[in-house]
Amino acid sequence: MRKKKEWRVLPSYEGKVSLEQQGTGVVLSNALSQEQLAELAKLPLAAGFLERITVTPTNDVKDEN
């Protein structure tokens, strides 16, 4: 399986840090999409709360019953 890189909020900051910029705000959470986390990682202020991890995708099949 091919591993991929993803962003995640450091566990000690999950849901505890709010960033505000030009009237908009966001609470850092791993519930945010990878696209949102990647954009936040570009901001110097947010970069210290995020880390890049390597994950192995799984082929989990949800039970349809």
C-alpha atoms as a PDB file:
ATOM      1  CA  MET A   1       0.000   0.000   0.000  1.00  0.00           C
ATOM      2  CA  ARG A   2       1.089   3.489  -0.747  1.00  0.00           C
ATOM      3  CA  LYS A   3       1.513   5.809   2.214  1.00  0.00           C
ATOM      4  CA  LYS A   4       0.376   9.403   2.048  1.00  0.00           C
ATOM      5  CA  LYS A   5       1.045  12.567   4.015  1.00  0.00           C
ATOM      6  CA  GLU A   6      -1.707  14.311   5.929  1.00  0.00           C
ATOM      7  CA  TRP A   7      -1.937  17.241   8.306  1.00  0.00           C
ATOM      8  CA  ARG A   8      -3.283  16.975  11.831  1.00  0.00           C
ATOM      9  CA  VAL A   9      -3.621  19.232  14.830  1.00  0.00           C
ATOM     10  CA  LEU A  10      -1.201  18.345  17.606  1.00  0.00           C
ATOM     11  CA  PRO A  11      -3.142  16.392  20.268  1.00  0.00           C
ATOM     12  CA  SER A  12      -2.588  18.951  23.031  1.00  0.00           C
ATOM     13  CA  TYR A  13      -4.211  21.676  20.874  1.00  0.00           C
ATOM     14  CA  GLU A  14      -7.104  19.712  19.338  1.00  0.00           C
ATOM     15  CA  GLY A  15     -10.232  21.854  19.669  1.00  0.00           C
ATOM     16  CA  LYS A  16      -8.525  24.268  22.079  1.00  0.00           C
ATOM     17  CA  VAL A  17      -7.014  26.888  19.738  1.00  0.00           C
ATOM     18  CA  SER A  18      -9.013  29.467  17.817  1.00  0.00           C
ATOM     19  CA  LEU A  19      -7.393  31.496  15.040  1.00  0.00           C
ATOM     20  CA  GLU A  20      -8.967  34.715  13.813  1.00  0.00           C
ATOM     21  CA  GLN A  21      -8.069  36.697  10.746  1.00  0.00           C
ATOM     22  CA  GLN A  22      -9.931  39.604   9.152  1.00  0.00           C
ATOM     23  CA  GLY A  23     -13.205  38.923  10.914  1.00  0.00           C
ATOM     24  CA  THR A  24     -13.240  35.168  10.340  1.00  0.00           C
ATOM     25  CA  GLY A  25     -12.212  32.508  12.799  1.00  0.00           C
ATOM     26  CA  VAL A  26     -11.617  28.797  12.996  1.00  0.00           C
ATOM     27  CA  VAL A  27     -11.051  26.379  15.854  1.00  0.00           C
ATOM     28  CA  LEU A  28      -8.198  24.009  15.059  1.00  0.00           C
ATOM     29  CA  SER A  29      -9.586  20.503  14.888  1.00  0.00           C
ATOM     30  CA  ASN A  30      -8.837  17.283  13.071  1.00  0.00           C
ATOM     31  CA  ALA A  31     -12.453  17.391  11.904  1.00  0.00           C
ATOM     32  CA  LEU A  32     -11.385  20.046   9.374  1.00  0.00           C
ATOM     33  CA  SER A  33     -10.702  18.789   5.862  1.00  0.00           C
ATOM     34  CA  GLN A  34      -7.149  18.090   4.737  1.00  0.00           C
ATOM     35  CA  GLU A  35      -7.460  21.015   2.331  1.00  0.00           C
ATOM     36  CA  GLN A  36      -8.332  23.377   5.188  1.00  0.00           C
ATOM     37  CA  LEU A  37      -5.535  22.056   7.380  1.00  0.00           C
ATOM     38  CA  ALA A  38      -3.027  22.397   4.520  1.00  0.00           C
ATOM     39  CA  GLU A  39      -4.057  26.029   3.990  1.00  0.00           C
ATOM     40  CA  LEU A  40      -3.763  26.742   7.712  1.00  0.00           C
ATOM     41  CA  ALA A  41      -0.304  25.142   7.787  1.00  0.00           C
ATOM     42  CA  LYS A  42       0.884  27.882   5.422  1.00  0.00           C
ATOM     43  CA  LEU A  43       0.161  30.516   8.073  1.00  0.00           C
ATOM     44  CA  PRO A  44       3.114  31.104  10.405  1.00  0.00           C
ATOM     45  CA  LEU A  45       0.794  31.466  13.400  1.00  0.00           C
ATOM     46  CA  ALA A  46      -0.993  28.142  12.784  1.00  0.00           C
ATOM     47  CA  ALA A  47       2.033  26.111  11.710  1.00  0.00           C
ATOM     48  CA  GLY A  48       3.152  25.591  15.314  1.00  0.00           C
ATOM     49  CA  PHE A  49      -0.112  23.824  16.151  1.00  0.00           C
ATOM     50  CA  LEU A  50      -0.041  21.397  13.208  1.00  0.00           C
ATOM     51  CA  GLU A  51       2.124  18.476  12.162  1.00  0.00           C
ATOM     52  CA  ARG A  52       2.545  16.458   8.993  1.00  0.00           C
ATOM     53  CA  ILE A  53       2.031  12.718   9.456  1.00  0.00           C
ATOM     54  CA  THR A  54       2.334   9.672   7.229  1.00  0.00           C
ATOM     55  CA  VAL A  55      -0.724   7.452   7.039  1.00  0.00           C
ATOM     56  CA  THR A  56      -1.407   4.163   5.348  1.00  0.00           C
ATOM     57  CA  PRO A  57      -4.790   4.236   3.627  1.00  0.00           C
ATOM     58  CA  THR A  58      -7.095   1.381   4.451  1.00  0.00           C
ATOM     59  CA  ASN A  59      -9.778  -0.185   2.347  1.00  0.00           C
ATOM     60  CA  ASP A  60     -12.347  -0.385   5.118  1.00  0.00           C
ATOM     61  CA  VAL A  61     -15.702  -1.470   3.865  1.00  0.00           C
ATOM     62  CA  LYS A  62     -18.689  -0.216   5.796  1.00  0.00           C
ATOM     63  CA  ASP A  63     -21.327  -2.730   6.725  1.00  0.00           C
ATOM     64  CA  GLU A  64     -24.334  -2.090   4.515  1.00  0.00           C
ATOM     65  CA  ASN A  65     -26.759  -4.008   6.775  1.00  0.00           C
END
